[in-house]
Amino acid sequence: MSDTPTEPLPSTEAIEPSTEDAAPPVKTKAPRTDAQKAALDRAREKAMAVRAQNASLKRKEQEVERALAQKAKEERAARVEAEYEALSKPPIEAEPMSPLKKKRKPARKVVVTEVSSASESEASEVEVVLPRARKKQSPEEAQYQKSMLKMFEPW
């Protein structure tokens, strides 16, 4: 290939680690006394009891949350179902369609009392019934009535 000399490849000899990179010496464990072992055992038992209590509490909280979520879901489903049913059903009428009858107002009555000069103890009462005053139509209402008559006039 090329005629230029190349540098020699590094040898595959084992490289000795320097003393700086060497791992520190391993410490040996000091033997524990019986009092230390007993204290550790008590601490482990106490920690296990606390962990068991916390786990139980967490399980109960999760169960309560699931129950509340289920209840809310059921209430929501019932509410939505009721609203949907109300929308899909036509309104139920108790009686067949009949025009509403308006209550008639009583006629206006005027009572006239006549006293005769001959006998004051005798009084004659005359009841007079006056017709109701009719409401006058506004010009717009009159025009509306005329146009309705023209539109639906029999042929």
Protein backbone atom coordinates (compact mmCIF):
# COMPACT_ATOMS: atom_id res chain seq x y z
CA MET A 1 0.00 0.00 0.00
CA SER A 2 1.93 3.01 1.08
CA ASP A 3 5.69 3.04 1.25
CA THR A 4 5.88 5.12 4.43
CA PRO A 5 7.05 3.33 7.53
CA THR A 6 4.46 2.93 10.25
CA GLU A 7 4.98 3.08 13.93
CA PRO A 8 5.36 -0.21 15.66
CA LEU A 9 2.25 -1.51 17.38
CA PRO A 10 2.32 -1.58 21.17
CA SER A 11 3.19 -4.91 22.58
CA THR A 12 0.61 -7.08 24.23
CA GLU A 13 2.63 -7.43 27.37
CA ALA A 14 0.79 -7.17 30.65
CA ILE A 15 0.73 -3.70 32.07
CA GLU A 16 1.42 -3.60 35.76
CA PRO A 17 -1.05 -1.52 37.76
CA SER A 18 0.41 1.36 39.61
CA THR A 19 0.29 1.44 43.35
CA GLU A 20 -2.08 4.41 43.30
CA ASP A 21 -4.83 2.47 41.52
CA ALA A 22 -4.66 -0.54 43.80
CA ALA A 23 -7.71 -1.27 45.99
CA PRO A 24 -7.35 -0.49 49.68
CA PRO A 25 -6.90 -3.50 51.90
CA VAL A 26 -10.10 -5.19 53.03
CA LYS A 27 -11.01 -4.61 56.69
CA THR A 28 -12.04 -7.57 58.70
CA LYS A 29 -15.31 -7.35 60.64
CA ALA A 30 -15.01 -7.01 64.34
CA PRO A 31 -16.97 -9.68 66.12
CA ARG A 32 -20.15 -8.37 67.73
CA THR A 33 -20.87 -8.85 71.35
CA ASP A 34 -23.96 -10.66 72.62
CA ALA A 35 -25.48 -7.37 73.81
CA GLN A 36 -25.02 -5.84 70.35
CA LYS A 37 -26.58 -8.90 68.72
CA ALA A 38 -29.58 -8.74 71.08
CA ALA A 39 -30.06 -5.02 70.40
CA LEU A 40 -29.94 -5.67 66.64
CA ASP A 41 -32.49 -8.46 66.97
CA ARG A 42 -34.86 -6.21 68.97
CA ALA A 43 -34.48 -3.43 66.39
CA ARG A 44 -35.21 -5.87 63.54
CA GLU A 45 -38.33 -7.15 65.28
CA LYS A 46 -39.54 -3.62 65.96
CA ALA A 47 -38.87 -2.57 62.34
CA MET A 48 -40.74 -5.63 61.04
CA ALA A 49 -43.73 -4.84 63.27
CA VAL A 50 -43.82 -1.21 62.07
CA ARG A 51 -43.53 -2.35 58.43
CA ALA A 52 -46.39 -4.84 58.92
CA GLN A 53 -48.56 -2.14 60.53
CA ASN A 54 -47.81 0.33 57.71
CA ALA A 55 -48.56 -2.32 55.08
CA SER A 56 -51.88 -3.13 56.76
CA LEU A 57 -52.80 0.56 56.91
CA LYS A 58 -51.86 1.03 53.26
CA ARG A 59 -53.99 -1.97 52.22
CA LYS A 60 -56.98 -0.57 54.13
CA GLU A 61 -56.53 2.89 52.57
CA GLN A 62 -56.42 1.36 49.10
CA GLU A 63 -59.54 -0.69 49.80
CA VAL A 64 -61.41 2.41 51.02
CA GLU A 65 -60.28 4.38 47.94
CA ARG A 66 -61.42 1.57 45.64
CA ALA A 67 -64.80 1.41 47.37
CA LEU A 68 -65.27 5.19 47.11
CA ALA A 69 -64.25 5.16 43.45
CA GLN A 70 -66.68 2.30 42.74
CA LYS A 71 -69.50 4.11 44.55
CA ALA A 72 -68.83 7.35 42.66
CA LYS A 73 -68.75 5.43 39.38
CA GLU A 74 -72.10 3.74 40.14
CA GLU A 75 -73.72 7.05 41.13
CA ARG A 76 -72.42 8.68 37.96
CA ALA A 77 -73.69 5.80 35.82
CA ALA A 78 -77.13 5.97 37.48
CA ARG A 79 -77.34 9.74 37.01
CA VAL A 80 -76.31 9.54 33.36
CA GLU A 81 -78.76 6.69 32.73
CA ALA A 82 -81.61 8.65 34.30
CA GLU A 83 -80.80 11.74 32.26
CA TYR A 84 -80.57 9.67 29.08
CA GLU A 85 -83.91 8.02 29.77
CA ALA A 86 -85.48 11.42 30.40
CA LEU A 87 -84.18 12.67 27.05
CA SER A 88 -85.16 9.62 25.03
CA LYS A 89 -88.71 9.22 26.37
CA PRO A 90 -91.43 11.58 25.19
CA PRO A 91 -93.11 13.47 27.99
CA ILE A 92 -95.87 11.38 29.57
CA GLU A 93 -99.24 13.10 29.66
CA ALA A 94 -101.73 12.19 32.33
CA GLU A 95 -104.77 13.22 30.27
CA PRO A 96 -105.33 13.41 26.53
CA MET A 97 -104.76 16.76 24.93
CA SER A 98 -107.69 19.00 25.71
CA PRO A 99 -107.80 22.74 25.55
CA LEU A 100 -107.28 24.34 28.88
CA LYS A 101 -110.42 25.95 30.17
CA LYS A 102 -109.89 29.33 31.64
CA LYS A 103 -111.75 30.30 34.72
CA ARG A 104 -114.43 32.84 33.91
CA LYS A 105 -114.34 36.02 35.84
CA PRO A 106 -117.66 36.91 37.40
CA ALA A 107 -119.61 39.67 35.72
CA ARG A 108 -119.36 43.12 37.19
CA LYS A 109 -122.37 43.77 39.38
CA VAL A 110 -123.63 47.05 40.67
CA VAL A 111 -126.15 47.17 43.47
CA VAL A 112 -128.40 50.22 43.52
CA THR A 113 -130.43 50.97 46.59
CA GLU A 114 -133.49 53.13 46.36
CA VAL A 115 -134.99 54.69 49.42
CA SER A 116 -138.55 55.87 49.13
CA SER A 117 -139.52 58.96 51.03
CA ALA A 118 -142.77 57.43 52.26
CA SER A 119 -141.23 54.67 54.25
CA GLU A 120 -137.61 54.81 55.19
CA SER A 121 -137.61 51.30 56.54
CA GLU A 122 -138.38 49.86 53.13
CA ALA A 123 -135.45 49.86 50.78
CA SER A 124 -135.55 48.26 47.39
CA GLU A 125 -132.37 46.91 45.95
CA VAL A 126 -131.87 46.57 42.24
CA GLU A 127 -128.99 44.51 40.89
CA VAL A 128 -127.56 45.71 37.60
CA VAL A 129 -125.06 43.60 35.65
CA LEU A 130 -122.72 45.65 33.49
CA PRO A 131 -120.94 44.15 30.50
CA ARG A 132 -117.17 43.90 30.63
CA ALA A 133 -115.20 46.62 29.00
CA ARG A 134 -113.53 45.23 25.90
CA LYS A 135 -109.85 45.55 25.45
CA LYS A 136 -108.94 47.70 22.47
CA GLN A 137 -106.58 46.17 19.95
CA SER A 138 -103.37 47.90 19.08
CA PRO A 139 -102.85 48.70 15.39
CA GLU A 140 -100.25 45.92 15.12
CA GLU A 141 -102.67 43.35 16.53
CA ALA A 142 -105.42 44.48 14.17
CA GLN A 143 -103.09 44.19 11.16
CA TYR A 144 -102.00 40.74 12.34
CA GLN A 145 -105.63 39.59 12.63
CA LYS A 146 -106.43 40.86 9.12
CA SER A 147 -103.43 39.11 7.59
CA MET A 148 -104.30 35.85 9.36
CA LEU A 149 -107.85 36.03 8.03
CA LYS A 150 -106.55 36.60 4.49
CA MET A 151 -104.08 33.73 4.72
CA PHE A 152 -106.51 31.17 6.06
CA GLU A 153 -109.61 32.41 4.34
CA PRO A 154 -111.68 29.51 2.98
CA TRP A 155 -111.46 29.26 -0.79
